[in-house]
Amino acid sequence: MSFTITPNMVINGKIDHIDIGDAKHVDCSDCTELIELPNWPNVYIVYCSGCTKLIKLPDWPIVEIVHCPKCTGLIELPNWPNITHVDCDKCTK
């Protein structure tokens, strides 16, 4: 199951007020006002391309795939234990 977060769902740079239910794949791409993401315990795939104000990503316990190209505010990533693929093209300031 996947869940898409749109820019109008972002409040004060956050989306922690949103219940993603049983989603295993979350896409919050192009949410340019997004500053941080919740620490979702059951998400395997995260797409957050073009979230230019995103400054850090949580230490998701089971995430395997993270796509965050053009997240120009990101300067480092956590050491995710189960990661198999990361796309961070153009992520550094």
C-alpha atoms as a PDB file:
ATOM      1  CA  MET A   1       0.000   0.000   0.000  1.00  0.00           C
ATOM      2  CA  SER A   2       1.283   3.469  -0.825  1.00  0.00           C
ATOM      3  CA  PHE A   3       0.449   6.922   0.475  1.00  0.00           C
ATOM      4  CA  THR A   4       0.988  10.234  -1.315  1.00  0.00           C
ATOM      5  CA  ILE A   5       1.529  13.423   0.623  1.00  0.00           C
ATOM      6  CA  THR A   6       0.779  16.637  -1.260  1.00  0.00           C
ATOM      7  CA  PRO A   7       2.081  20.155  -0.563  1.00  0.00           C
ATOM      8  CA  ASN A   8      -1.243  21.283   0.922  1.00  0.00           C
ATOM      9  CA  MET A   9      -0.835  18.660   3.706  1.00  0.00           C
ATOM     10  CA  VAL A  10       2.354  20.287   5.045  1.00  0.00           C
ATOM     11  CA  ILE A  11       1.772  22.420   8.147  1.00  0.00           C
ATOM     12  CA  ASN A  12       4.658  24.415   9.629  1.00  0.00           C
ATOM     13  CA  GLY A  13       7.139  22.296   7.684  1.00  0.00           C
ATOM     14  CA  LYS A  14       5.821  18.993   9.077  1.00  0.00           C
ATOM     15  CA  ILE A  15       3.465  16.180   8.224  1.00  0.00           C
ATOM     16  CA  ASP A  16       3.496  14.325  11.552  1.00  0.00           C
ATOM     17  CA  HIS A  17      -0.222  15.087  11.949  1.00  0.00           C
ATOM     18  CA  ILE A  18      -1.029  12.775   9.013  1.00  0.00           C
ATOM     19  CA  ASP A  19      -1.898   9.129   9.622  1.00  0.00           C
ATOM     20  CA  ILE A  20      -0.385   7.077   6.803  1.00  0.00           C
ATOM     21  CA  GLY A  21      -2.076   3.910   8.062  1.00  0.00           C
ATOM     22  CA  ASP A  22      -0.452   0.683   6.868  1.00  0.00           C
ATOM     23  CA  ALA A  23       1.421   2.325   4.001  1.00  0.00           C
ATOM     24  CA  LYS A  24       4.758   0.742   3.130  1.00  0.00           C
ATOM     25  CA  HIS A  25       5.591   3.291   0.416  1.00  0.00           C
ATOM     26  CA  VAL A  26       5.326   7.046   1.034  1.00  0.00           C
ATOM     27  CA  ASP A  27       5.718   9.697  -1.655  1.00  0.00           C
ATOM     28  CA  CYS A  28       6.027  13.311  -0.531  1.00  0.00           C
ATOM     29  CA  SER A  29       7.819  14.579  -3.636  1.00  0.00           C
ATOM     30  CA  ASP A  30       7.739  18.293  -4.411  1.00  0.00           C
ATOM     31  CA  CYS A  31       6.529  19.298  -0.950  1.00  0.00           C
ATOM     32  CA  THR A  32       8.867  22.291  -1.015  1.00  0.00           C
ATOM     33  CA  GLU A  33       7.839  23.569   2.442  1.00  0.00           C
ATOM     34  CA  LEU A  34       8.568  20.237   4.150  1.00  0.00           C
ATOM     35  CA  ILE A  35      11.369  20.528   6.732  1.00  0.00           C
ATOM     36  CA  GLU A  36      11.276  17.123   8.429  1.00  0.00           C
ATOM     37  CA  LEU A  37       9.630  13.724   8.086  1.00  0.00           C
ATOM     38  CA  PRO A  38       8.225  11.465  10.812  1.00  0.00           C
ATOM     39  CA  ASN A  39      10.029   8.319  11.914  1.00  0.00           C
ATOM     40  CA  TRP A  40       7.658   5.867  10.244  1.00  0.00           C
ATOM     41  CA  PRO A  41       8.327   2.396  11.715  1.00  0.00           C
ATOM     42  CA  ASN A  42       6.774   0.320   8.881  1.00  0.00           C
ATOM     43  CA  VAL A  43       7.793   2.144   5.697  1.00  0.00           C
ATOM     44  CA  TYR A  44      10.066   0.392   3.195  1.00  0.00           C
ATOM     45  CA  ILE A  45      10.163   2.981   0.403  1.00  0.00           C
ATOM     46  CA  VAL A  46      10.302   6.785   0.635  1.00  0.00           C
ATOM     47  CA  TYR A  47      10.206   9.218  -2.286  1.00  0.00           C
ATOM     48  CA  CYS A  48      10.855  12.841  -1.352  1.00  0.00           C
ATOM     49  CA  SER A  49      12.316  14.296  -4.527  1.00  0.00           C
ATOM     50  CA  GLY A  50      12.395  18.091  -4.758  1.00  0.00           C
ATOM     51  CA  CYS A  51      11.702  18.777  -1.074  1.00  0.00           C
ATOM     52  CA  THR A  52      14.151  21.669  -1.071  1.00  0.00           C
ATOM     53  CA  LYS A  53      13.680  22.702   2.581  1.00  0.00           C
ATOM     54  CA  LEU A  54      14.086  19.166   3.940  1.00  0.00           C
ATOM     55  CA  ILE A  55      17.117  19.305   6.233  1.00  0.00           C
ATOM     56  CA  LYS A  56      17.340  15.773   7.613  1.00  0.00           C
ATOM     57  CA  LEU A  57      15.813  12.338   7.314  1.00  0.00           C
ATOM     58  CA  PRO A  58      14.877  10.087  10.252  1.00  0.00           C
ATOM     59  CA  ASP A  59      16.567   6.831  11.128  1.00  0.00           C
ATOM     60  CA  TRP A  60      13.759   4.697   9.688  1.00  0.00           C
ATOM     61  CA  PRO A  61      14.183   1.181  11.103  1.00  0.00           C
ATOM     62  CA  ILE A  62      13.233  -0.896   8.033  1.00  0.00           C
ATOM     63  CA  VAL A  63      13.498   1.480   5.066  1.00  0.00           C
ATOM     64  CA  GLU A  64      15.132  -0.144   2.036  1.00  0.00           C
ATOM     65  CA  ILE A  65      14.787   2.462  -0.723  1.00  0.00           C
ATOM     66  CA  VAL A  66      15.070   6.244  -0.437  1.00  0.00           C
ATOM     67  CA  HIS A  67      14.757   8.590  -3.414  1.00  0.00           C
ATOM     68  CA  CYS A  68      15.547  12.173  -2.435  1.00  0.00           C
ATOM     69  CA  PRO A  69      17.137  13.881  -5.455  1.00  0.00           C
ATOM     70  CA  LYS A  70      17.054  17.674  -5.517  1.00  0.00           C
ATOM     71  CA  CYS A  71      16.554  17.879  -1.749  1.00  0.00           C
ATOM     72  CA  THR A  72      19.139  20.634  -1.641  1.00  0.00           C
ATOM     73  CA  GLY A  73      18.902  21.148   2.132  1.00  0.00           C
ATOM     74  CA  LEU A  74      20.113  17.614   2.939  1.00  0.00           C
ATOM     75  CA  ILE A  75      23.775  17.428   3.873  1.00  0.00           C
ATOM     76  CA  GLU A  76      23.957  13.984   5.494  1.00  0.00           C
ATOM     77  CA  LEU A  77      21.945  10.793   5.764  1.00  0.00           C
ATOM     78  CA  PRO A  78      21.358   8.346   8.608  1.00  0.00           C
ATOM     79  CA  ASN A  79      22.966   4.917   8.632  1.00  0.00           C
ATOM     80  CA  TRP A  80      19.806   2.949   7.801  1.00  0.00           C
ATOM     81  CA  PRO A  81      20.340  -0.729   8.698  1.00  0.00           C
ATOM     82  CA  ASN A  82      18.334  -2.251   5.797  1.00  0.00           C
ATOM     83  CA  ILE A  83      18.979   0.198   2.967  1.00  0.00           C
ATOM     84  CA  THR A  84      19.541  -1.255  -0.509  1.00  0.00           C
ATOM     85  CA  HIS A  85      19.202   1.851  -2.713  1.00  0.00           C
ATOM     86  CA  VAL A  86      19.610   5.603  -2.165  1.00  0.00           C
ATOM     87  CA  ASP A  87      19.267   8.336  -4.790  1.00  0.00           C
ATOM     88  CA  CYS A  88      20.465  11.682  -3.476  1.00  0.00           C
ATOM     89  CA  ASP A  89      21.531  13.429  -6.658  1.00  0.00           C
ATOM     90  CA  LYS A  90      21.967  17.169  -6.026  1.00  0.00           C
ATOM     91  CA  CYS A  91      21.282  16.886  -2.289  1.00  0.00           C
ATOM     92  CA  THR A  92      24.160  18.918  -0.873  1.00  0.00           C
ATOM     93  CA  LYS A  93      24.057  22.662  -0.438  1.00  0.00           C
END
